[in-house]
Amino acid sequence: MDTNIFIYELEGNLRYSGAASKVFSWTAQAGHKSVTSSLTMTEILVQPYRHGGQNRAVDYYSLLVSYPNLAWIPADLRIADLAARLRADHRMRTPDAIQAATATIFGATGLVTNDPIFARVPDFETLVFDDVS
């Protein structure tokens, strides 16, 4: 799962929160599993910290780390190496390459996002919200 899906859900984005809620509902079901990079947490918490929302940041963090069937994957050297290769091959920004490398290494069959750049990576299917809404 890409960062924007979390932000749509947490912020109640009018256009995308319905689709994001479906993704989170799917993840919460028994037998399902989602992964995201720990980089996602960094990206999510920027705005609450920037706007003085220490309590909001703590609330987001607490909610997300306890979400069922969602694994937070730290970027290790394998992920860093693959991310560099993906950046070189597909001209991706570093955060996107880290997300794609995380998905690939952990065997994700799909990546849910609203960023079409991920469709360049052949290792998984990409679901772009704008393509289905």
N, C-alpha and C. Protein backbone atom coordinates (compact mmCIF):
# COMPACT_ATOMS: atom_id res chain seq x y z
N MET A 1 0.85 -1.18 0.00
CA MET A 1 0.00 0.00 0.00
C MET A 1 0.89 1.24 0.00
N ASP A 2 0.57 2.15 -0.89
CA ASP A 2 1.31 3.40 -0.99
C ASP A 2 0.77 4.40 0.03
N THR A 3 1.59 5.37 0.37
CA THR A 3 1.26 6.35 1.39
C THR A 3 -0.05 7.08 1.13
N ASN A 4 -0.32 7.42 -0.11
CA ASN A 4 -1.51 8.22 -0.37
C ASN A 4 -2.80 7.51 0.06
N ILE A 5 -2.84 6.20 0.04
CA ILE A 5 -4.03 5.47 0.47
C ILE A 5 -4.28 5.69 1.95
N PHE A 6 -3.24 5.69 2.74
CA PHE A 6 -3.36 5.96 4.18
C PHE A 6 -3.85 7.39 4.42
N ILE A 7 -3.28 8.32 3.71
CA ILE A 7 -3.65 9.73 3.89
C ILE A 7 -5.11 9.95 3.51
N TYR A 8 -5.56 9.35 2.41
CA TYR A 8 -6.97 9.49 2.03
C TYR A 8 -7.88 9.00 3.14
N GLU A 9 -7.54 7.88 3.73
CA GLU A 9 -8.36 7.31 4.80
C GLU A 9 -8.30 8.17 6.06
N LEU A 10 -7.10 8.53 6.48
CA LEU A 10 -6.94 9.28 7.73
C LEU A 10 -7.54 10.68 7.65
N GLU A 11 -7.41 11.31 6.50
CA GLU A 11 -7.88 12.69 6.35
C GLU A 11 -9.32 12.77 5.84
N GLY A 12 -9.91 11.63 5.53
CA GLY A 12 -11.27 11.63 5.03
C GLY A 12 -11.42 12.35 3.70
N ASN A 13 -10.48 12.13 2.80
CA ASN A 13 -10.51 12.75 1.48
C ASN A 13 -11.86 12.46 0.81
N LEU A 14 -12.56 13.50 0.40
CA LEU A 14 -13.91 13.33 -0.14
C LEU A 14 -13.95 12.45 -1.39
N ARG A 15 -12.97 12.57 -2.24
CA ARG A 15 -12.97 11.82 -3.49
C ARG A 15 -12.53 10.37 -3.32
N TYR A 16 -11.55 10.13 -2.44
CA TYR A 16 -10.92 8.82 -2.40
C TYR A 16 -11.12 8.03 -1.11
N SER A 17 -11.69 8.61 -0.08
CA SER A 17 -11.76 7.89 1.21
C SER A 17 -12.63 6.65 1.13
N GLY A 18 -13.65 6.65 0.28
CA GLY A 18 -14.49 5.45 0.12
C GLY A 18 -13.68 4.28 -0.40
N ALA A 19 -12.89 4.53 -1.43
CA ALA A 19 -12.05 3.47 -2.00
C ALA A 19 -10.98 3.05 -1.00
N ALA A 20 -10.40 4.02 -0.31
CA ALA A 20 -9.38 3.69 0.69
C ALA A 20 -9.98 2.84 1.81
N SER A 21 -11.18 3.18 2.24
CA SER A 21 -11.84 2.40 3.29
C SER A 21 -12.02 0.95 2.87
N LYS A 22 -12.34 0.73 1.59
CA LYS A 22 -12.50 -0.64 1.09
C LYS A 22 -11.18 -1.41 1.16
N VAL A 23 -10.08 -0.72 0.86
CA VAL A 23 -8.77 -1.36 0.94
C VAL A 23 -8.46 -1.75 2.38
N PHE A 24 -8.73 -0.84 3.32
CA PHE A 24 -8.45 -1.14 4.72
C PHE A 24 -9.39 -2.23 5.26
N SER A 25 -10.63 -2.23 4.82
CA SER A 25 -11.56 -3.29 5.22
C SER A 25 -11.09 -4.65 4.72
N TRP A 26 -10.61 -4.68 3.47
CA TRP A 26 -10.08 -5.92 2.91
C TRP A 26 -8.89 -6.40 3.75
N THR A 27 -7.98 -5.48 4.07
CA THR A 27 -6.79 -5.83 4.83
C THR A 27 -7.15 -6.41 6.19
N ALA A 28 -8.18 -5.89 6.82
CA ALA A 28 -8.55 -6.32 8.17
C ALA A 28 -9.17 -7.71 8.21
N GLN A 29 -9.58 -8.23 7.08
CA GLN A 29 -10.23 -9.55 7.05
C GLN A 29 -9.22 -10.66 7.33
N ALA A 30 -9.69 -11.67 8.01
CA ALA A 30 -8.85 -12.84 8.31
C ALA A 30 -8.32 -13.44 7.01
N GLY A 31 -7.05 -13.79 7.02
CA GLY A 31 -6.42 -14.41 5.87
C GLY A 31 -5.85 -13.42 4.87
N HIS A 32 -6.10 -12.13 5.05
CA HIS A 32 -5.55 -11.12 4.15
C HIS A 32 -4.33 -10.48 4.79
N LYS A 33 -3.48 -9.92 3.95
CA LYS A 33 -2.26 -9.30 4.45
C LYS A 33 -1.86 -8.17 3.52
N SER A 34 -1.46 -7.06 4.11
CA SER A 34 -0.92 -5.94 3.35
C SER A 34 0.43 -5.55 3.93
N VAL A 35 1.28 -5.01 3.08
CA VAL A 35 2.57 -4.50 3.54
C VAL A 35 2.74 -3.08 3.04
N THR A 36 3.53 -2.35 3.77
CA THR A 36 3.94 -1.01 3.36
C THR A 36 5.33 -0.77 3.95
N SER A 37 6.02 0.14 3.36
CA SER A 37 7.34 0.50 3.88
C SER A 37 7.18 1.36 5.13
N SER A 38 8.14 1.26 6.03
CA SER A 38 8.13 2.16 7.19
C SER A 38 8.25 3.62 6.75
N LEU A 39 8.73 3.84 5.55
CA LEU A 39 8.76 5.18 4.97
C LEU A 39 7.36 5.80 4.93
N THR A 40 6.34 4.98 4.79
CA THR A 40 4.96 5.46 4.79
C THR A 40 4.66 6.24 6.06
N MET A 41 5.11 5.72 7.19
CA MET A 41 4.86 6.41 8.46
C MET A 41 5.53 7.78 8.46
N THR A 42 6.73 7.86 7.95
CA THR A 42 7.43 9.14 7.85
C THR A 42 6.59 10.13 7.06
N GLU A 43 6.10 9.69 5.91
CA GLU A 43 5.33 10.58 5.04
C GLU A 43 4.00 10.98 5.67
N ILE A 44 3.35 10.06 6.37
CA ILE A 44 2.06 10.34 7.00
C ILE A 44 2.19 11.38 8.12
N LEU A 45 3.25 11.27 8.91
CA LEU A 45 3.36 12.11 10.10
C LEU A 45 3.89 13.52 9.85
N VAL A 46 4.36 13.80 8.66
CA VAL A 46 4.91 15.13 8.37
C VAL A 46 3.91 16.24 8.66
N GLN A 47 2.73 16.16 8.09
CA GLN A 47 1.75 17.24 8.24
C GLN A 47 1.31 17.44 9.69
N PRO A 48 0.97 16.37 10.43
CA PRO A 48 0.63 16.60 11.84
C PRO A 48 1.76 17.28 12.62
N TYR A 49 2.99 16.86 12.41
CA TYR A 49 4.09 17.50 13.12
C TYR A 49 4.31 18.93 12.64
N ARG A 50 4.20 19.15 11.34
CA ARG A 50 4.42 20.48 10.79
C ARG A 50 3.41 21.48 11.32
N HIS A 51 2.20 21.04 11.51
CA HIS A 51 1.14 21.95 11.94
C HIS A 51 0.86 21.85 13.44
N GLY A 52 1.85 21.40 14.19
CA GLY A 52 1.75 21.39 15.64
C GLY A 52 0.80 20.35 16.20
N GLY A 53 0.53 19.34 15.44
CA GLY A 53 -0.43 18.35 15.88
C GLY A 53 0.21 17.14 16.53
N GLN A 54 0.99 17.35 17.58
CA GLN A 54 1.64 16.24 18.27
C GLN A 54 0.63 15.16 18.65
N ASN A 55 -0.51 15.56 19.19
CA ASN A 55 -1.52 14.58 19.58
C ASN A 55 -2.07 13.84 18.37
N ARG A 56 -2.28 14.55 17.29
CA ARG A 56 -2.77 13.92 16.06
C ARG A 56 -1.74 12.93 15.52
N ALA A 57 -0.48 13.31 15.55
CA ALA A 57 0.59 12.42 15.09
C ALA A 57 0.61 11.14 15.93
N VAL A 58 0.49 11.29 17.22
CA VAL A 58 0.48 10.12 18.12
C VAL A 58 -0.75 9.26 17.84
N ASP A 59 -1.89 9.90 17.61
CA ASP A 59 -3.11 9.14 17.30
C ASP A 59 -2.94 8.33 16.02
N TYR A 60 -2.42 8.97 14.98
CA TYR A 60 -2.20 8.28 13.71
C TYR A 60 -1.25 7.10 13.90
N TYR A 61 -0.15 7.37 14.56
CA TYR A 61 0.86 6.33 14.79
C TYR A 61 0.24 5.13 15.53
N SER A 62 -0.45 5.42 16.62
CA SER A 62 -1.05 4.36 17.44
C SER A 62 -2.06 3.53 16.64
N LEU A 63 -2.88 4.21 15.86
CA LEU A 63 -3.87 3.51 15.05
C LEU A 63 -3.20 2.62 14.01
N LEU A 64 -2.22 3.16 13.32
CA LEU A 64 -1.64 2.45 12.20
C LEU A 64 -0.76 1.27 12.61
N VAL A 65 0.01 1.40 13.68
CA VAL A 65 0.88 0.28 14.06
C VAL A 65 0.09 -0.89 14.62
N SER A 66 -1.16 -0.65 15.02
CA SER A 66 -1.97 -1.73 15.57
C SER A 66 -3.00 -2.25 14.57
N TYR A 67 -2.95 -1.76 13.33
CA TYR A 67 -3.95 -2.17 12.35
C TYR A 67 -3.74 -3.65 12.00
N PRO A 68 -4.83 -4.43 11.98
CA PRO A 68 -4.67 -5.87 11.74
C PRO A 68 -4.18 -6.19 10.32
N ASN A 69 -3.31 -7.16 10.25
CA ASN A 69 -2.82 -7.73 8.99
C ASN A 69 -2.03 -6.74 8.14
N LEU A 70 -1.51 -5.72 8.75
CA LEU A 70 -0.70 -4.72 8.04
C LEU A 70 0.72 -4.76 8.59
N ALA A 71 1.67 -5.10 7.73
CA ALA A 71 3.07 -5.19 8.14
C ALA A 71 3.82 -3.93 7.71
N TRP A 72 4.57 -3.37 8.63
CA TRP A 72 5.42 -2.20 8.36
C TRP A 72 6.84 -2.70 8.17
N ILE A 73 7.36 -2.54 6.96
CA ILE A 73 8.63 -3.14 6.60
C ILE A 73 9.73 -2.08 6.56
N PRO A 74 10.75 -2.22 7.42
CA PRO A 74 11.87 -1.26 7.36
C PRO A 74 12.72 -1.49 6.12
N ALA A 75 13.27 -0.43 5.61
CA ALA A 75 14.14 -0.53 4.42
C ALA A 75 15.50 -1.08 4.85
N ASP A 76 15.79 -2.29 4.42
CA ASP A 76 17.09 -2.89 4.69
C ASP A 76 17.95 -2.78 3.43
N LEU A 77 19.11 -3.40 3.44
CA LEU A 77 20.01 -3.29 2.29
C LEU A 77 19.47 -3.96 1.03
N ARG A 78 18.72 -5.03 1.18
CA ARG A 78 18.11 -5.65 -0.01
C ARG A 78 17.11 -4.70 -0.67
N ILE A 79 16.30 -4.07 0.16
CA ILE A 79 15.33 -3.11 -0.36
C ILE A 79 16.04 -1.91 -0.98
N ALA A 80 17.09 -1.43 -0.31
CA ALA A 80 17.85 -0.29 -0.84
C ALA A 80 18.46 -0.61 -2.20
N ASP A 81 19.01 -1.81 -2.33
CA ASP A 81 19.62 -2.21 -3.59
C ASP A 81 18.58 -2.30 -4.71
N LEU A 82 17.46 -2.95 -4.44
CA LEU A 82 16.42 -3.06 -5.45
C LEU A 82 15.82 -1.69 -5.77
N ALA A 83 15.65 -0.85 -4.76
CA ALA A 83 15.13 0.51 -4.99
C ALA A 83 16.05 1.29 -5.92
N ALA A 84 17.35 1.15 -5.74
CA ALA A 84 18.29 1.84 -6.63
C ALA A 84 18.14 1.33 -8.06
N ARG A 85 17.98 0.02 -8.20
CA ARG A 85 17.79 -0.55 -9.53
C ARG A 85 16.49 -0.06 -10.16
N LEU A 86 15.42 0.00 -9.37
CA LEU A 86 14.14 0.49 -9.88
C LEU A 86 14.21 1.97 -10.25
N ARG A 87 14.93 2.75 -9.46
CA ARG A 87 15.13 4.16 -9.81
C ARG A 87 15.85 4.28 -11.13
N ALA A 88 16.88 3.50 -11.31
CA ALA A 88 17.67 3.55 -12.55
C ALA A 88 16.85 3.08 -13.75
N ASP A 89 16.13 1.98 -13.58
CA ASP A 89 15.40 1.40 -14.71
C ASP A 89 14.12 2.15 -15.06
N HIS A 90 13.46 2.71 -14.06
CA HIS A 90 12.12 3.28 -14.28
C HIS A 90 12.01 4.77 -13.96
N ARG A 91 13.15 5.38 -13.66
CA ARG A 91 13.18 6.82 -13.35
C ARG A 91 12.16 7.21 -12.26
N MET A 92 12.21 6.46 -11.18
CA MET A 92 11.31 6.71 -10.05
C MET A 92 12.01 7.58 -9.01
N ARG A 93 11.23 8.32 -8.24
CA ARG A 93 11.77 9.03 -7.09
C ARG A 93 12.10 8.01 -6.00
N THR A 94 13.02 8.36 -5.13
CA THR A 94 13.45 7.42 -4.09
C THR A 94 12.30 6.88 -3.25
N PRO A 95 11.39 7.71 -2.73
CA PRO A 95 10.30 7.12 -1.92
C PRO A 95 9.47 6.11 -2.70
N ASP A 96 9.18 6.40 -3.97
CA ASP A 96 8.40 5.46 -4.78
C ASP A 96 9.19 4.18 -5.03
N ALA A 97 10.47 4.30 -5.29
CA ALA A 97 11.31 3.13 -5.52
C ALA A 97 11.38 2.26 -4.26
N ILE A 98 11.43 2.87 -3.10
CA ILE A 98 11.45 2.11 -1.84
C ILE A 98 10.13 1.37 -1.66
N GLN A 99 9.02 2.03 -1.95
CA GLN A 99 7.71 1.35 -1.85
C GLN A 99 7.65 0.16 -2.81
N ALA A 100 8.07 0.38 -4.05
CA ALA A 100 8.03 -0.69 -5.05
C ALA A 100 8.96 -1.83 -4.68
N ALA A 101 10.14 -1.52 -4.19
CA ALA A 101 11.09 -2.56 -3.78
C ALA A 101 10.53 -3.35 -2.60
N THR A 102 9.90 -2.69 -1.67
CA THR A 102 9.29 -3.36 -0.53
C THR A 102 8.22 -4.33 -1.00
N ALA A 103 7.36 -3.86 -1.90
CA ALA A 103 6.30 -4.72 -2.44
C ALA A 103 6.90 -5.93 -3.15
N THR A 104 7.92 -5.71 -3.94
CA THR A 104 8.53 -6.79 -4.71
C THR A 104 9.19 -7.82 -3.79
N ILE A 105 10.01 -7.38 -2.88
CA ILE A 105 10.74 -8.29 -2.01
C ILE A 105 9.82 -9.10 -1.10
N PHE A 106 8.70 -8.49 -0.71
CA PHE A 106 7.78 -9.21 0.18
C PHE A 106 6.67 -9.93 -0.58
N GLY A 107 6.83 -10.02 -1.91
CA GLY A 107 5.95 -10.86 -2.71
C GLY A 107 4.54 -10.33 -2.90
N ALA A 108 4.36 -9.03 -2.82
CA ALA A 108 3.03 -8.47 -3.06
C ALA A 108 2.60 -8.76 -4.49
N THR A 109 1.36 -9.13 -4.66
CA THR A 109 0.83 -9.37 -6.00
C THR A 109 0.30 -8.09 -6.62
N GLY A 110 0.07 -7.09 -5.78
CA GLY A 110 -0.44 -5.81 -6.27
C GLY A 110 -0.03 -4.68 -5.37
N LEU A 111 -0.05 -3.48 -5.93
CA LEU A 111 0.24 -2.28 -5.16
C LEU A 111 -0.91 -1.31 -5.36
N VAL A 112 -1.50 -0.87 -4.26
CA VAL A 112 -2.63 0.05 -4.29
C VAL A 112 -2.09 1.46 -4.08
N THR A 113 -2.44 2.36 -4.98
CA THR A 113 -1.86 3.70 -5.00
C THR A 113 -2.78 4.65 -5.76
N ASN A 114 -2.36 5.86 -5.86
CA ASN A 114 -2.98 6.78 -6.81
C ASN A 114 -1.88 7.43 -7.66
N ASP A 115 -0.77 6.75 -7.78
CA ASP A 115 0.37 7.24 -8.53
C ASP A 115 0.68 6.25 -9.66
N PRO A 116 0.44 6.64 -10.90
CA PRO A 116 0.63 5.71 -12.01
C PRO A 116 2.07 5.29 -12.26
N ILE A 117 3.04 5.92 -11.61
CA ILE A 117 4.45 5.56 -11.82
C ILE A 117 4.70 4.09 -11.50
N PHE A 118 3.93 3.54 -10.56
CA PHE A 118 4.16 2.15 -10.14
C PHE A 118 3.82 1.15 -11.23
N ALA A 119 3.00 1.54 -12.19
CA ALA A 119 2.66 0.64 -13.30
C ALA A 119 3.88 0.31 -14.15
N ARG A 120 4.95 1.08 -14.01
CA ARG A 120 6.19 0.80 -14.74
C ARG A 120 6.89 -0.45 -14.23
N VAL A 121 6.58 -0.86 -13.01
CA VAL A 121 7.26 -2.00 -12.38
C VAL A 121 6.48 -3.27 -12.71
N PRO A 122 7.10 -4.21 -13.41
CA PRO A 122 6.38 -5.40 -13.85
C PRO A 122 6.22 -6.49 -12.78
N ASP A 123 6.76 -6.28 -11.59
CA ASP A 123 6.78 -7.33 -10.56
C ASP A 123 5.44 -7.52 -9.86
N PHE A 124 4.50 -6.60 -10.05
CA PHE A 124 3.20 -6.67 -9.40
C PHE A 124 2.19 -5.87 -10.22
N GLU A 125 0.92 -6.13 -9.97
CA GLU A 125 -0.12 -5.33 -10.60
C GLU A 125 -0.26 -4.02 -9.82
N THR A 126 -0.66 -2.97 -10.50
CA THR A 126 -0.84 -1.68 -9.85
C THR A 126 -2.29 -1.25 -9.99
N LEU A 127 -2.93 -0.94 -8.87
CA LEU A 127 -4.26 -0.39 -8.86
C LEU A 127 -4.17 1.10 -8.56
N VAL A 128 -4.48 1.92 -9.54
CA VAL A 128 -4.45 3.38 -9.38
C VAL A 128 -5.87 3.86 -9.19
N PHE A 129 -6.17 4.49 -8.07
CA PHE A 129 -7.53 4.93 -7.76
C PHE A 129 -8.14 5.74 -8.89
N ASP A 130 -7.38 6.66 -9.48
CA ASP A 130 -7.94 7.49 -10.55
C ASP A 130 -8.36 6.67 -11.76
N ASP A 131 -7.80 5.49 -11.92
CA ASP A 131 -8.17 4.64 -13.06
C ASP A 131 -9.47 3.88 -12.84
N VAL A 132 -9.91 3.78 -11.59
CA VAL A 132 -11.11 3.01 -11.29
C VAL A 132 -12.23 3.84 -10.69
N SER A 133 -11.98 5.12 -10.47
CA SER A 133 -13.06 5.93 -9.86
C SER A 133 -13.75 6.78 -10.89
